[in-house]
Amino acid sequence: MHQLDKFINELKGIFDIGTRAANTTEYNRLRAALRKAKNRGDMVEVKHLFKEMQRRPVMNFSDPRYKRLFYVRYADDWVIGIRGSYADTAAILTKVTDFCSSIGLTVSAAKTKITNLNSGKALFLGVNIFRAAHVKFNKRTKQRLNRQLRFTAPIDRIRTKLTQASFYANGKSQPRFLWIGLEHDQILHLYNAVFRGFINYYSFVHNYGKMVGFLNFTLKQSCAKLLAAKFNLGTMAKVFNKFGNYLKSPSGVGFFKPTYGVNNMRFSIKASPIITNLFAAHKSIASLRELDLQPLWLFL
């Protein structure tokens, strides 16, 4: 893969041009009109023009004199971002595909696509990447900002993973009966490990609170149902009445209590105590390799 890194770095050196995209014609027109209004002291017109400038984009995203290529790789999973035209992107894809063939690698046609982030999403390392639909403004100057990139956890994929691991089925939580023979605190440690695995991996996403809410509801109900079956309590209500909201075991171990604010790249390294010969036998479903990653995306 080092050969590929070097090749794409050389492509970047050739492809990248310009230092900044030009302003749009409309923005330059409004700025010139604003300057004239200031010179003649027409503050009513100045205020009107300033508001108009705030509502319009500054840079021309189609400026052919400014192009950029971005490349990110994690092991054998990689993404190339192109600031340019569709034709530019298709040409880069062809060059990369041909180079990979020359060194004995194959780019999967089924898992490779060109995506325009203004209208679609790219999935990379289990994270959806797209451009926000809404426009933000600078808090200090109220200047209109461009539509920002957003990174979100794919809730539907997480739901699928939980279904495959027997935590979820038919639109609701279900007990993971594989663990019913374990001790109460061991069951809680394993559920907490799965929960932490997901929220640590997706600690930076913009829909963090929504994802945590879904995981908390799904996994806690699954755990409560498993405890109901284990202790012959019959219903989740009886489980919560007996063990409390956090399903605490007699030794004091409780269900993980999450926070819902975006973690901004903070990763938790606090782990449950290792239960001998247990975690080795029950691998967390949130491991990186189990996220069915895509090998390559190119996007505009």
Protein backbone atom coordinates (compact mmCIF):
# COMPACT_ATOMS: atom_id res chain seq x y z
CA MET A 1 0.00 0.00 0.00
CA HIS A 2 3.03 2.28 0.38
CA GLN A 3 3.35 2.28 -3.40
CA LEU A 4 -0.23 3.50 -3.69
CA ASP A 5 0.42 6.25 -1.11
CA LYS A 6 3.38 7.51 -3.12
CA PHE A 7 1.47 7.38 -6.40
CA ILE A 8 -1.50 9.36 -5.08
CA ASN A 9 0.83 11.89 -3.45
CA GLU A 10 2.42 12.42 -6.87
CA LEU A 11 -1.06 12.80 -8.41
CA LYS A 12 -1.89 15.40 -5.79
CA GLY A 13 1.23 17.40 -6.66
CA ILE A 14 0.14 17.50 -10.30
CA PHE A 15 -3.60 18.01 -9.71
CA ASP A 16 -3.58 20.76 -7.04
CA ILE A 17 -3.63 24.26 -8.52
CA GLY A 18 -4.40 27.74 -7.18
CA THR A 19 -4.31 29.15 -3.68
CA ARG A 20 -7.97 30.12 -3.25
CA ALA A 21 -11.19 29.86 -5.22
CA ALA A 22 -12.35 33.12 -6.79
CA ASN A 23 -15.32 34.98 -5.35
CA THR A 24 -18.63 34.65 -7.15
CA THR A 25 -19.56 37.39 -9.60
CA GLU A 26 -22.67 38.23 -7.56
CA TYR A 27 -20.69 38.59 -4.33
CA ASN A 28 -18.17 40.90 -6.00
CA ARG A 29 -21.02 42.99 -7.44
CA LEU A 30 -22.62 43.37 -4.00
CA ARG A 31 -19.29 44.24 -2.39
CA ALA A 32 -18.62 46.96 -4.97
CA ALA A 33 -22.13 48.37 -4.47
CA LEU A 34 -21.61 48.32 -0.70
CA ARG A 35 -18.37 50.29 -1.04
CA LYS A 36 -20.10 52.93 -3.17
CA ALA A 37 -22.99 53.20 -0.71
CA LYS A 38 -20.53 53.76 2.15
CA ASN A 39 -18.72 56.47 0.18
CA ARG A 40 -21.92 58.42 -0.38
CA GLY A 41 -23.10 57.89 3.21
CA ASP A 42 -26.24 55.93 2.34
CA MET A 43 -26.39 53.75 5.48
CA VAL A 44 -29.85 52.39 4.67
CA GLU A 45 -28.48 50.96 1.43
CA VAL A 46 -25.35 49.73 3.23
CA LYS A 47 -27.49 47.77 5.69
CA HIS A 48 -29.58 46.30 2.86
CA LEU A 49 -26.54 45.26 0.81
CA PHE A 50 -24.79 43.80 3.85
CA LYS A 51 -27.77 41.54 4.54
CA GLU A 52 -27.81 40.47 0.89
CA MET A 53 -24.10 39.56 1.07
CA GLN A 54 -24.74 37.47 4.17
CA ARG A 55 -27.27 35.35 2.29
CA ARG A 56 -25.00 34.53 -0.64
CA PRO A 57 -21.94 32.27 -0.96
CA VAL A 58 -18.58 34.00 -1.18
CA MET A 59 -16.47 31.54 -3.19
CA ASN A 60 -17.18 30.03 -6.56
CA PHE A 61 -17.07 26.26 -6.04
CA SER A 62 -16.86 25.72 -9.79
CA ASP A 63 -13.74 27.83 -10.24
CA PRO A 64 -11.51 25.74 -12.58
CA ARG A 65 -8.41 27.63 -11.41
CA TYR A 66 -8.62 26.12 -7.93
CA LYS A 67 -8.49 22.34 -7.49
CA ARG A 68 -7.56 20.04 -4.62
CA LEU A 69 -7.08 16.30 -4.08
CA PHE A 70 -7.35 14.79 -0.59
CA TYR A 71 -6.43 11.23 0.31
CA VAL A 72 -7.04 9.30 3.54
CA ARG A 73 -6.13 5.65 4.09
CA TYR A 74 -6.62 3.31 7.02
CA ALA A 75 -5.01 -0.08 6.32
CA ASP A 76 -6.62 -1.22 3.03
CA ASP A 77 -9.60 1.17 3.29
CA TRP A 78 -9.18 4.54 1.62
CA VAL A 79 -11.02 7.54 0.28
CA ILE A 80 -10.08 10.22 -2.23
CA GLY A 81 -11.76 13.61 -2.08
CA ILE A 82 -11.71 15.82 -5.17
CA ARG A 83 -12.46 19.52 -5.27
CA GLY A 84 -13.09 19.78 -8.97
CA SER A 85 -15.41 18.56 -11.70
CA TYR A 86 -16.94 15.15 -12.29
CA ALA A 87 -14.59 14.73 -15.26
CA ASP A 88 -11.60 15.41 -12.98
CA THR A 89 -12.84 12.79 -10.52
CA ALA A 90 -13.46 10.18 -13.20
CA ALA A 91 -9.97 10.76 -14.61
CA ILE A 92 -8.38 10.31 -11.16
CA LEU A 93 -10.38 7.11 -10.62
CA THR A 94 -9.13 5.72 -13.95
CA LYS A 95 -5.51 6.55 -13.11
CA VAL A 96 -5.75 4.98 -9.65
CA THR A 97 -7.46 1.87 -11.02
CA ASP A 98 -4.80 1.44 -13.72
CA PHE A 99 -1.98 1.92 -11.21
CA CYS A 100 -3.49 -0.62 -8.82
CA SER A 101 -3.70 -3.13 -11.66
CA SER A 102 -0.04 -2.55 -12.48
CA ILE A 103 1.03 -3.54 -8.94
CA GLY A 104 -1.30 -6.52 -8.67
CA LEU A 105 -4.20 -4.86 -6.79
CA THR A 106 -7.83 -4.81 -7.88
CA VAL A 107 -10.21 -1.94 -7.21
CA SER A 108 -13.67 -3.42 -6.67
CA ALA A 109 -16.11 -1.96 -9.19
CA ALA A 110 -19.05 -3.02 -7.01
CA LYS A 111 -17.77 -1.13 -3.97
CA THR A 112 -16.36 1.93 -5.72
CA LYS A 113 -18.47 4.90 -6.75
CA ILE A 114 -18.20 8.61 -7.40
CA THR A 115 -20.40 10.63 -5.05
CA ASN A 116 -21.16 14.34 -5.13
CA LEU A 117 -21.28 15.38 -1.46
CA ASN A 118 -23.63 18.27 -2.26
CA SER A 119 -26.37 15.77 -3.09
CA GLY A 120 -25.25 12.37 -1.80
CA LYS A 121 -23.38 10.56 0.97
CA ALA A 122 -20.13 8.63 1.04
CA LEU A 123 -19.62 5.82 3.55
CA PHE A 124 -16.04 5.51 4.80
CA LEU A 125 -14.87 3.48 7.80
CA GLY A 126 -18.48 3.03 8.84
CA VAL A 127 -19.19 6.80 8.89
CA ASN A 128 -21.52 8.73 6.58
CA ILE A 129 -19.85 11.80 5.05
CA PHE A 130 -21.98 14.46 3.36
CA ARG A 131 -22.49 18.20 3.14
CA ALA A 132 -25.02 19.77 5.50
CA ALA A 133 -28.31 20.88 3.96
CA HIS A 134 -28.47 24.03 6.08
CA VAL A 135 -26.25 27.10 5.99
CA LYS A 136 -24.33 28.33 9.04
CA PHE A 137 -23.23 31.85 9.89
CA ASN A 138 -20.16 33.16 11.65
CA LYS A 139 -21.32 34.03 15.19
CA ARG A 140 -19.20 37.19 15.40
CA THR A 141 -19.60 38.75 11.95
CA LYS A 142 -22.85 37.01 10.89
CA GLN A 143 -21.06 36.19 7.63
CA ARG A 144 -22.61 33.37 5.63
CA LEU A 145 -20.47 30.22 5.78
CA ASN A 146 -20.42 27.44 3.25
CA ARG A 147 -22.42 24.28 3.85
CA GLN A 148 -20.26 22.32 6.26
CA LEU A 149 -19.21 18.68 6.01
CA ARG A 150 -21.03 16.39 8.41
CA PHE A 151 -20.02 13.01 9.80
CA THR A 152 -22.79 10.78 11.12
CA ALA A 153 -23.09 7.27 12.49
CA PRO A 154 -25.34 5.13 10.22
CA ILE A 155 -28.06 4.10 12.67
CA ASP A 156 -29.49 1.59 10.20
CA ARG A 157 -26.14 -0.21 9.96
CA ILE A 158 -25.77 -0.23 13.73
CA ARG A 159 -29.27 -1.71 13.99
CA THR A 160 -28.26 -4.40 11.50
CA LYS A 161 -25.15 -5.25 13.54
CA LEU A 162 -27.22 -5.52 16.71
CA THR A 163 -29.69 -7.76 14.89
CA GLN A 164 -26.91 -10.03 13.65
CA ALA A 165 -25.57 -10.30 17.21
CA SER A 166 -29.05 -11.14 18.62
CA PHE A 167 -29.63 -7.90 20.55
CA TYR A 168 -32.43 -6.71 18.26
CA ALA A 169 -35.12 -8.33 16.10
CA ASN A 170 -38.45 -7.41 14.49
CA GLY A 171 -38.16 -3.74 15.43
CA LYS A 172 -37.46 -4.22 19.14
CA SER A 173 -34.82 -5.37 21.61
CA GLN A 174 -34.39 -9.04 22.39
CA PRO A 175 -32.31 -10.86 25.03
CA ARG A 176 -28.97 -12.32 23.98
CA PHE A 177 -29.58 -15.81 25.34
CA LEU A 178 -25.98 -16.82 24.62
CA TRP A 179 -25.07 -15.00 27.86
CA ILE A 180 -27.88 -16.31 30.09
CA GLY A 181 -25.58 -18.75 31.91
CA LEU A 182 -23.24 -15.98 33.08
CA GLU A 183 -23.30 -14.16 36.41
CA HIS A 184 -25.29 -10.93 36.74
CA ASP A 185 -22.23 -8.67 36.85
CA GLN A 186 -20.62 -10.54 33.93
CA ILE A 187 -23.71 -9.92 31.81
CA LEU A 188 -23.56 -6.21 32.64
CA HIS A 189 -19.84 -6.03 31.83
CA LEU A 190 -20.45 -7.55 28.40
CA TYR A 191 -23.37 -5.24 27.56
CA ASN A 192 -21.30 -2.27 28.70
CA ALA A 193 -18.39 -3.41 26.51
CA VAL A 194 -20.64 -3.46 23.44
CA PHE A 195 -22.08 -0.04 24.35
CA ARG A 196 -18.64 1.51 24.91
CA GLY A 197 -17.33 -0.02 21.73
CA PHE A 198 -19.88 1.84 19.63
CA ILE A 199 -19.75 5.20 21.41
CA ASN A 200 -15.94 5.28 21.50
CA TYR A 201 -15.73 4.51 17.79
CA TYR A 202 -18.36 7.12 16.92
CA SER A 203 -17.36 9.68 19.58
CA PHE A 204 -16.93 12.49 17.01
CA VAL A 205 -20.11 12.15 14.90
CA HIS A 206 -22.65 14.95 14.61
CA ASN A 207 -25.60 12.67 15.45
CA TYR A 208 -23.87 11.38 18.60
CA GLY A 209 -26.84 12.08 20.91
CA LYS A 210 -29.31 10.29 18.63
CA MET A 211 -27.00 7.29 18.31
CA VAL A 212 -26.41 7.09 22.09
CA GLY A 213 -30.14 7.30 22.72
CA PHE A 214 -30.83 4.42 20.34
CA LEU A 215 -28.04 2.26 21.81
CA ASN A 216 -29.02 3.02 25.39
CA PHE A 217 -32.68 2.15 24.81
CA THR A 218 -31.94 -0.98 22.76
CA LEU A 219 -29.13 -2.49 24.82
CA LYS A 220 -30.66 -1.70 28.23
CA GLN A 221 -33.95 -3.31 27.22
CA SER A 222 -32.10 -6.31 25.82
CA CYS A 223 -30.18 -6.64 29.09
CA ALA A 224 -33.36 -6.28 31.18
CA LYS A 225 -35.10 -8.98 29.14
CA LEU A 226 -32.13 -11.30 29.58
CA LEU A 227 -32.14 -10.72 33.35
CA ALA A 228 -35.90 -11.31 33.43
CA ALA A 229 -35.37 -14.70 31.80
CA LYS A 230 -32.36 -15.54 33.98
CA PHE A 231 -34.07 -14.76 37.29
CA ASN A 232 -37.60 -15.84 36.24
CA LEU A 233 -39.00 -12.35 36.81
CA GLY A 234 -41.29 -12.43 33.79
CA THR A 235 -41.29 -8.75 32.75
CA MET A 236 -38.88 -5.86 32.33
CA ALA A 237 -40.90 -3.83 34.84
CA LYS A 238 -40.17 -6.39 37.56
CA VAL A 239 -36.47 -6.37 36.61
CA PHE A 240 -36.24 -2.59 36.95
CA ASN A 241 -38.18 -2.68 40.23
CA LYS A 242 -35.76 -5.27 41.62
CA PHE A 243 -32.43 -4.00 40.29
CA GLY A 244 -33.12 -0.29 39.66
CA ASN A 245 -32.82 1.85 36.56
CA TYR A 246 -29.22 0.73 35.95
CA LEU A 247 -29.88 -2.98 36.58
CA LYS A 248 -27.26 -3.15 39.35
CA SER A 249 -25.91 -6.52 40.45
CA PRO A 250 -25.41 -7.37 44.15
CA SER A 251 -21.71 -6.50 43.75
CA GLY A 252 -22.60 -2.98 42.60
CA VAL A 253 -21.95 -3.30 38.86
CA GLY A 254 -24.49 -1.27 36.88
CA PHE A 255 -25.49 -0.67 33.28
CA PHE A 256 -23.35 1.97 31.58
CA LYS A 257 -24.62 5.55 32.04
CA PRO A 258 -23.78 7.55 28.91
CA THR A 259 -23.64 11.26 28.19
CA TYR A 260 -25.41 12.63 25.15
CA GLY A 261 -23.22 15.59 24.17
CA VAL A 262 -20.82 15.30 21.22
CA ASN A 263 -17.48 14.08 22.55
CA ASN A 264 -15.32 15.99 20.05
CA MET A 265 -12.80 13.20 19.49
CA ARG A 266 -12.49 12.26 23.18
CA PHE A 267 -12.02 8.50 23.44
CA SER A 268 -12.70 6.68 26.68
CA ILE A 269 -10.01 4.26 27.82
CA LYS A 270 -11.85 3.23 30.98
CA ALA A 271 -12.80 -0.42 30.64
CA SER A 272 -14.63 -2.93 32.75
CA PRO A 273 -12.44 -5.35 34.76
CA ILE A 274 -11.38 -8.31 32.67
CA ILE A 275 -13.37 -11.43 33.35
CA THR A 276 -10.99 -14.34 32.88
CA ASN A 277 -11.57 -16.31 29.69
CA LEU A 278 -14.77 -14.38 29.03
CA PHE A 279 -13.96 -11.42 26.81
CA ALA A 280 -11.72 -13.61 24.68
CA ALA A 281 -14.70 -15.85 24.00
CA HIS A 282 -17.17 -13.00 23.37
CA LYS A 283 -15.69 -10.49 20.97
CA SER A 284 -17.28 -7.03 20.91
CA ILE A 285 -19.45 -6.55 17.83
CA ALA A 286 -18.20 -2.97 17.58
CA SER A 287 -14.70 -3.95 16.42
CA LEU A 288 -13.42 -2.17 13.33
CA ARG A 289 -13.25 -5.20 11.07
CA GLU A 290 -16.91 -6.05 11.66
CA LEU A 291 -18.17 -2.76 10.25
CA ASP A 292 -18.08 -4.07 6.64
CA LEU A 293 -15.93 -1.19 5.41
CA GLN A 294 -15.79 0.05 1.84
CA PRO A 295 -12.36 -0.05 0.14
CA LEU A 296 -12.63 3.14 -1.89
CA TRP A 297 -14.86 6.14 -2.41
CA LEU A 298 -14.19 9.06 -4.65
CA PHE A 299 -16.35 12.13 -4.31
CA LEU A 300 -16.62 15.65 -5.72
